[in-house]
């Protein structure tokens, strides 16, 4: 059981380095530089979102009565439809429900074992966000499965009614439409108009892309920076910590392999803003309460703090992490569109 929850002696406890509630801690050149890094990152992230985000632009055009048609970055059925036609939407629903339950249980167990202080960590912020992603995804998939079943049932009813009408009246009749091609188009079925995603659909896609970067960031920082440090200091890593930094990536990659969501590059802005909000939250808490820093590189008393914040907040770590996931999405598109050209239905 100790391997699961850890022991009080073997697990890592952050060390208090300085009193964060004093004026001298905040009024110095290091803090000024760190604030500049964070604000610059927030500015460019906001600029990306303002310039390229279609969801709020469409709402603004609707309020202004604009008739200009633009191609949305997300359609409603992309939130619940699998990327291959041969996969029924219920499989994606089942995967999302299973992932949501496992992640929620793991989050509750971790909070019960370590207390509410776990939410000082960026990992738990990301883990909570990805749990919300699968919860919202489950609801959207439920709605999508209902729509899919409704459409399939409607098609069957139309086919049965059409066969019955042909059986009752075999006499030749003149077409009701003067256009000879209209009856042919009707028999083939009119092309379906895809509906742009609503607010919840866009929120779902934004959370997906935000989690894509943050999961890569937390897991890479943990396994390549923190774990070697803990190993040198002879600390134990329990099963809960290992699970928190592996299962989130496994479920997210599994959902990525199945879903139809696109991955526009500009939404790295949300990923950076997510980190900026976390950093500002830490600053506010530490300015009010004398508290340990959850990560050593966030400590503003260190002379290397501006360098750490440059890497952490100025997206020098964010761009590679987000780029890795973008490459995974591109690899998925290339492989599936080449191997299953007639079945693959995702857009780039």
Protein backbone atom coordinates (compact mmCIF):
# COMPACT_ATOMS: atom_id res chain seq x y z
CA UNK A 1 0.00 0.00 0.00
CA UNK A 2 2.93 2.34 0.65
CA UNK A 3 4.01 1.94 -2.96
CA UNK A 4 0.60 3.20 -4.05
CA UNK A 5 0.30 6.28 -1.82
CA UNK A 6 3.90 6.73 -0.74
CA UNK A 7 5.32 7.32 2.71
CA UNK A 8 5.89 10.54 4.57
CA UNK A 9 9.66 9.96 4.69
CA UNK A 10 10.31 8.83 1.14
CA UNK A 11 8.18 11.18 -0.93
CA UNK A 12 9.35 14.58 -2.05
CA UNK A 13 8.24 17.58 -0.02
CA UNK A 14 8.98 21.09 -1.36
CA UNK A 15 11.31 23.15 0.82
CA UNK A 16 10.55 26.68 1.96
CA UNK A 17 13.40 28.87 0.69
CA UNK A 18 12.23 32.36 1.68
CA UNK A 19 9.30 34.25 3.15
CA UNK A 20 7.17 35.07 0.10
CA UNK A 21 4.94 37.55 1.95
CA UNK A 22 7.63 40.22 2.49
CA UNK A 23 8.03 43.28 0.27
CA UNK A 24 11.70 42.55 -0.33
CA UNK A 25 10.82 39.24 -1.95
CA UNK A 26 8.78 40.95 -4.68
CA UNK A 27 10.44 44.35 -5.10
CA UNK A 28 13.60 43.43 -6.99
CA UNK A 29 14.94 43.17 -10.54
CA UNK A 30 14.38 39.41 -10.79
CA UNK A 31 10.65 39.71 -10.25
CA UNK A 32 10.42 42.60 -12.73
CA UNK A 33 12.07 40.51 -15.45
CA UNK A 34 9.86 37.51 -14.69
CA UNK A 35 6.74 39.68 -14.85
CA UNK A 36 7.89 41.02 -18.23
CA UNK A 37 8.40 37.47 -19.59
CA UNK A 38 4.96 36.40 -18.43
CA UNK A 39 3.17 39.51 -19.72
CA UNK A 40 4.87 39.28 -23.12
CA UNK A 41 3.80 35.64 -23.37
CA UNK A 42 0.24 36.59 -22.41
CA UNK A 43 0.20 39.42 -24.96
CA UNK A 44 1.27 37.28 -27.92
CA UNK A 45 -1.06 34.46 -26.87
CA UNK A 46 -4.00 36.87 -26.72
CA UNK A 47 -3.01 38.30 -30.10
CA UNK A 48 -3.08 34.84 -31.69
CA UNK A 49 -6.49 34.08 -30.21
CA UNK A 50 -7.93 37.46 -31.22
CA UNK A 51 -6.65 37.21 -34.79
CA UNK A 52 -7.49 33.61 -35.68
CA UNK A 53 -10.23 32.32 -33.39
CA UNK A 54 -13.37 31.75 -35.46
CA UNK A 55 -15.77 30.85 -32.66
CA UNK A 56 -16.06 34.36 -31.24
CA UNK A 57 -15.72 35.96 -34.70
CA UNK A 58 -18.82 34.09 -35.89
CA UNK A 59 -20.74 35.22 -32.82
CA UNK A 60 -19.65 38.80 -33.46
CA UNK A 61 -20.73 38.61 -37.12
CA UNK A 62 -24.10 37.19 -36.10
CA UNK A 63 -24.63 40.09 -33.70
CA UNK A 64 -23.75 42.55 -36.47
CA UNK A 65 -25.98 40.80 -38.98
CA UNK A 66 -23.08 39.97 -41.29
CA UNK A 67 -23.93 37.69 -44.20
CA UNK A 68 -20.31 36.76 -44.94
CA UNK A 69 -19.88 33.00 -44.97
CA UNK A 70 -16.67 31.54 -43.58
CA UNK A 71 -15.54 27.96 -43.25
CA UNK A 72 -15.61 27.07 -39.55
CA UNK A 73 -12.65 25.45 -37.83
CA UNK A 74 -15.01 22.84 -36.40
CA UNK A 75 -18.23 21.15 -37.47
CA UNK A 76 -20.73 19.78 -34.97
CA UNK A 77 -20.27 16.14 -35.98
CA UNK A 78 -16.48 16.35 -35.61
CA UNK A 79 -16.86 16.35 -31.83
CA UNK A 80 -18.34 12.84 -31.72
CA UNK A 81 -17.65 11.15 -35.06
CA UNK A 82 -14.71 8.67 -35.33
CA UNK A 83 -12.12 9.35 -37.99
CA UNK A 84 -12.91 6.13 -39.90
CA UNK A 85 -16.34 5.37 -41.36
CA UNK A 86 -16.16 1.73 -40.29
CA UNK A 87 -15.98 2.68 -36.60
CA UNK A 88 -19.37 3.26 -34.98
CA UNK A 89 -19.59 6.41 -32.81
CA UNK A 90 -20.54 4.27 -29.82
CA UNK A 91 -16.94 2.99 -29.64
CA UNK A 92 -15.62 6.51 -29.21
CA UNK A 93 -18.36 7.12 -26.63
CA UNK A 94 -17.36 3.99 -24.70
CA UNK A 95 -13.70 4.97 -24.73
CA UNK A 96 -14.45 8.48 -23.47
CA UNK A 97 -16.74 7.27 -20.70
CA UNK A 98 -14.15 4.71 -19.57
CA UNK A 99 -11.35 7.30 -19.63
CA UNK A 100 -13.48 9.80 -17.70
CA UNK A 101 -14.30 7.28 -14.96
CA UNK A 102 -10.69 6.13 -14.58
CA UNK A 103 -9.30 9.68 -14.51
CA UNK A 104 -11.96 10.89 -12.07
CA UNK A 105 -11.37 7.97 -9.70
CA UNK A 106 -7.61 8.49 -9.86
CA UNK A 107 -8.01 12.21 -9.16
CA UNK A 108 -10.27 11.52 -6.17
CA UNK A 109 -7.90 8.87 -4.77
CA UNK A 110 -4.91 11.19 -5.14
CA UNK A 111 -6.74 14.09 -3.48
CA UNK A 112 -7.83 11.80 -0.65
CA UNK A 113 -4.28 10.49 -0.15
CA UNK A 114 -2.39 13.80 -0.37
CA UNK A 115 -5.05 16.39 0.45
CA UNK A 116 -6.11 19.52 -1.35
CA UNK A 117 -2.50 20.74 -1.60
CA UNK A 118 -2.08 18.65 -4.76
CA UNK A 119 -3.95 21.38 -6.64
CA UNK A 120 -0.98 23.70 -6.14
CA UNK A 121 0.74 21.63 -8.82
CA UNK A 122 0.47 22.22 -12.56
CA UNK A 123 0.11 18.47 -13.03
CA UNK A 124 -3.17 18.38 -11.11
CA UNK A 125 -4.46 21.40 -13.01
CA UNK A 126 -3.78 19.59 -16.26
CA UNK A 127 -5.13 16.29 -14.92
CA UNK A 128 -8.35 18.01 -13.84
CA UNK A 129 -8.63 19.69 -17.23
CA UNK A 130 -8.24 16.43 -19.14
CA UNK A 131 -10.82 14.80 -16.85
CA UNK A 132 -13.23 17.60 -17.76
CA UNK A 133 -12.34 17.05 -21.43
CA UNK A 134 -13.40 13.40 -21.31
CA UNK A 135 -16.51 14.25 -19.29
CA UNK A 136 -17.62 16.84 -21.84
CA UNK A 137 -16.58 14.53 -24.66
CA UNK A 138 -18.77 11.78 -23.23
CA UNK A 139 -21.79 14.11 -23.25
CA UNK A 140 -21.11 15.24 -26.82
CA UNK A 141 -20.64 11.62 -27.93
CA UNK A 142 -23.94 10.66 -26.30
CA UNK A 143 -25.67 13.40 -28.25
CA UNK A 144 -23.84 12.32 -31.41
CA UNK A 145 -24.81 8.67 -30.99
CA UNK A 146 -28.43 9.76 -30.61
CA UNK A 147 -28.20 11.84 -33.80
CA UNK A 148 -26.50 8.95 -35.62
CA UNK A 149 -29.19 6.49 -34.50
CA UNK A 150 -31.94 8.95 -35.41
CA UNK A 151 -30.51 9.45 -38.89
CA UNK A 152 -30.01 5.71 -39.44
CA UNK A 153 -33.59 5.00 -38.33
CA UNK A 154 -34.92 7.77 -40.57
CA UNK A 155 -33.08 6.40 -43.59
CA UNK A 156 -34.54 2.95 -42.96
CA UNK A 157 -38.07 4.36 -42.66
CA UNK A 158 -37.67 6.31 -45.92
CA UNK A 159 -36.44 3.20 -47.73
CA UNK A 160 -39.36 1.13 -46.43
CA UNK A 161 -41.89 3.83 -47.36
CA UNK A 162 -40.37 4.15 -50.83
CA UNK A 163 -40.57 0.42 -51.46
CA UNK A 164 -44.19 0.35 -50.24
CA UNK A 165 -45.21 3.19 -52.55
CA UNK A 166 -43.65 1.46 -55.53
CA UNK A 167 -45.51 -1.75 -54.66
CA UNK A 168 -48.88 0.01 -54.37
CA UNK A 169 -48.69 2.14 -57.51
CA UNK A 170 -46.87 0.58 -60.45
CA UNK A 171 -48.57 2.77 -63.09
CA UNK A 172 -46.37 5.34 -64.81
CA UNK A 173 -46.91 8.90 -63.60
CA UNK A 174 -45.62 12.23 -64.76
CA UNK A 175 -42.92 13.77 -62.54
CA UNK A 176 -44.15 16.53 -60.24
CA UNK A 177 -41.12 18.65 -60.94
CA UNK A 178 -40.39 20.21 -64.29
CA UNK A 179 -36.70 19.64 -63.65
CA UNK A 180 -35.88 16.08 -64.78
CA UNK A 181 -32.83 15.92 -62.57
CA UNK A 182 -34.72 16.73 -59.36
CA UNK A 183 -36.25 13.29 -59.00
CA UNK A 184 -32.86 11.71 -59.65
CA UNK A 185 -31.22 13.87 -56.97
CA UNK A 186 -34.00 13.01 -54.56
CA UNK A 187 -33.52 9.31 -55.16
CA UNK A 188 -29.81 9.62 -54.52
CA UNK A 189 -30.35 11.80 -51.49
CA UNK A 190 -29.63 15.50 -51.27
CA UNK A 191 -26.18 16.43 -49.98
CA UNK A 192 -26.28 16.96 -46.26
CA UNK A 193 -25.39 20.38 -44.92
CA UNK A 194 -22.92 20.10 -42.04
CA UNK A 195 -23.70 22.33 -39.11
CA UNK A 196 -20.93 24.43 -37.55
CA UNK A 197 -20.15 23.49 -33.98
CA UNK A 198 -21.81 25.39 -31.18
CA UNK A 199 -20.20 26.95 -28.13
CA UNK A 200 -19.68 23.66 -26.30
CA UNK A 201 -18.13 22.11 -29.39
CA UNK A 202 -15.56 24.89 -29.64
CA UNK A 203 -14.87 24.71 -25.90
CA UNK A 204 -14.30 20.98 -26.32
CA UNK A 205 -11.82 21.50 -29.17
CA UNK A 206 -10.00 24.24 -27.26
CA UNK A 207 -9.65 22.04 -24.16
CA UNK A 208 -8.37 19.23 -26.39
CA UNK A 209 -5.62 21.38 -27.88
CA UNK A 210 -4.78 23.00 -24.57
CA UNK A 211 -4.43 19.58 -22.95
CA UNK A 212 -2.35 18.31 -25.85
CA UNK A 213 0.38 20.80 -25.01
CA UNK A 214 0.04 20.75 -21.23
CA UNK A 215 0.11 16.94 -21.00
CA UNK A 216 3.29 16.85 -23.07
CA UNK A 217 4.77 19.62 -20.92
CA UNK A 218 3.95 18.06 -17.55
CA UNK A 219 5.02 14.55 -18.51
CA UNK A 220 8.25 15.66 -20.19
CA UNK A 221 9.22 17.96 -17.31
CA UNK A 222 8.39 15.23 -14.80
CA UNK A 223 10.23 12.34 -16.48
CA UNK A 224 13.22 14.27 -17.83
CA UNK A 225 13.78 16.93 -15.14
CA UNK A 226 12.04 16.11 -11.86
CA UNK A 227 12.52 12.31 -11.79
CA UNK A 228 16.31 12.50 -12.26
CA UNK A 229 16.41 15.10 -9.47
CA UNK A 230 14.35 12.87 -7.16
CA UNK A 231 16.52 9.87 -8.01
CA UNK A 232 19.66 11.76 -7.06
CA UNK A 233 18.06 12.82 -3.77
CA UNK A 234 16.99 9.18 -3.12
CA UNK A 235 13.26 9.92 -2.96
CA UNK A 236 10.60 7.31 -3.67
CA UNK A 237 8.09 7.67 -6.51
CA UNK A 238 4.79 5.98 -5.69
CA UNK A 239 2.28 4.41 -8.05
CA UNK A 240 -0.12 7.36 -7.89
CA UNK A 241 2.56 9.78 -9.07
CA UNK A 242 3.54 7.45 -11.90
CA UNK A 243 -0.10 7.04 -12.93
CA UNK A 244 -0.74 10.79 -12.90
CA UNK A 245 2.11 11.31 -15.36
CA UNK A 246 1.40 8.44 -17.76
CA UNK A 247 -2.28 7.52 -17.97
CA UNK A 248 -3.30 11.05 -18.99
CA UNK A 249 -1.08 10.86 -22.07
CA UNK A 250 -2.25 7.31 -22.87
CA UNK A 251 -5.93 8.29 -22.84
CA UNK A 252 -5.34 11.52 -24.75
CA UNK A 253 -3.38 9.72 -27.48
CA UNK A 254 -6.09 7.05 -27.67
CA UNK A 255 -8.77 9.69 -28.14
CA UNK A 256 -6.59 11.43 -30.71
CA UNK A 257 -6.31 8.22 -32.72
CA UNK A 258 -10.10 7.85 -32.79
CA UNK A 259 -11.53 11.35 -33.04
CA UNK A 260 -12.10 13.72 -35.97
CA UNK A 261 -10.88 16.90 -34.29
CA UNK A 262 -8.60 19.24 -36.19
CA UNK A 263 -5.50 20.83 -34.70
CA UNK A 264 -5.03 24.46 -35.85
CA UNK A 265 -1.66 25.85 -34.77
CA UNK A 266 -2.90 29.20 -33.45
CA UNK A 267 -4.50 27.55 -30.43
CA UNK A 268 -1.10 27.26 -28.85
CA UNK A 269 -2.22 30.61 -27.48
CA UNK A 270 -4.67 28.87 -25.14
CA UNK A 271 -1.93 26.51 -23.99
CA UNK A 272 0.37 29.43 -23.15
CA UNK A 273 -2.46 31.33 -21.45
CA UNK A 274 -3.21 28.23 -19.35
CA UNK A 275 0.37 28.31 -18.04
CA UNK A 276 0.30 32.08 -17.56
CA UNK A 277 -2.87 31.79 -15.45
CA UNK A 278 -1.21 29.09 -13.35
CA UNK A 279 1.89 31.24 -12.77
CA UNK A 280 -0.14 34.32 -11.83
CA UNK A 281 -2.25 32.17 -9.49
CA UNK A 282 0.95 31.01 -7.77
CA UNK A 283 2.16 34.59 -7.42
CA UNK A 284 -1.10 35.74 -5.83
CA UNK A 285 -1.20 32.82 -3.39
CA UNK A 286 2.44 33.25 -2.34
CA UNK A 287 2.06 37.00 -1.92
CA UNK A 288 -0.73 36.37 0.59
CA UNK A 289 0.39 33.15 2.29
CA UNK A 290 3.86 32.04 3.36
CA UNK A 291 4.04 28.84 1.37
CA UNK A 292 6.47 26.51 -0.39
CA UNK A 293 6.77 26.65 -4.17
CA UNK A 294 5.41 23.52 -5.88
CA UNK A 295 8.28 23.61 -8.40
CA UNK A 296 11.81 24.87 -7.60
CA UNK A 297 12.05 26.80 -10.88
CA UNK A 298 9.07 28.98 -9.88
CA UNK A 299 10.92 30.36 -6.85
CA UNK A 300 11.55 34.05 -7.50
CA UNK A 301 14.32 34.27 -4.89
CA UNK A 302 16.71 32.35 -7.13
CA UNK A 303 19.12 34.38 -9.25
CA UNK A 304 18.23 32.06 -12.14
CA UNK A 305 14.51 32.82 -11.87
CA UNK A 306 14.41 35.08 -14.97
CA UNK A 307 16.05 32.34 -17.01
CA UNK A 308 13.61 29.69 -15.75
CA UNK A 309 10.60 31.93 -16.40
CA UNK A 310 11.96 32.69 -19.85
CA UNK A 311 11.89 28.98 -20.66
CA UNK A 312 8.70 28.18 -18.78
CA UNK A 313 6.49 31.17 -19.61
CA UNK A 314 7.86 32.49 -22.90
CA UNK A 315 6.82 29.33 -24.73
CA UNK A 316 10.36 28.09 -25.38
CA UNK A 317 9.20 24.86 -23.79
CA UNK A 318 5.64 25.28 -25.00
CA UNK A 319 6.45 25.38 -28.70
CA UNK A 320 8.29 22.00 -28.76
CA UNK A 321 5.64 20.33 -26.58
CA UNK A 322 2.81 21.65 -28.74
CA UNK A 323 4.79 20.88 -31.88
CA UNK A 324 5.28 17.24 -30.86
CA UNK A 325 1.53 16.77 -30.63
CA UNK A 326 0.99 18.59 -33.92
CA UNK A 327 3.41 16.13 -35.54
CA UNK A 328 1.46 13.25 -34.01
CA UNK A 329 -1.73 14.65 -35.57
CA UNK A 330 0.00 15.03 -38.94
CA UNK A 331 1.34 11.48 -38.72
CA UNK A 332 -2.16 10.20 -37.97
CA UNK A 333 -3.60 12.05 -40.96
CA UNK A 334 -0.87 10.85 -43.31
CA UNK A 335 -1.04 7.20 -42.27
CA UNK A 336 -4.83 6.84 -42.11
CA UNK A 337 -5.59 8.88 -45.23
CA UNK A 338 -3.06 6.81 -47.17
CA UNK A 339 -4.03 3.43 -45.76
CA UNK A 340 -7.81 4.03 -45.68
CA UNK A 341 -8.49 6.70 -48.34
CA UNK A 342 -12.17 5.79 -48.75
CA UNK A 343 -12.89 5.51 -45.03
CA UNK A 344 -10.89 8.34 -43.50
CA UNK A 345 -13.12 11.35 -42.85
CA UNK A 346 -11.07 13.80 -40.80
CA UNK A 347 -10.09 17.21 -42.10
CA UNK A 348 -6.61 18.60 -41.71
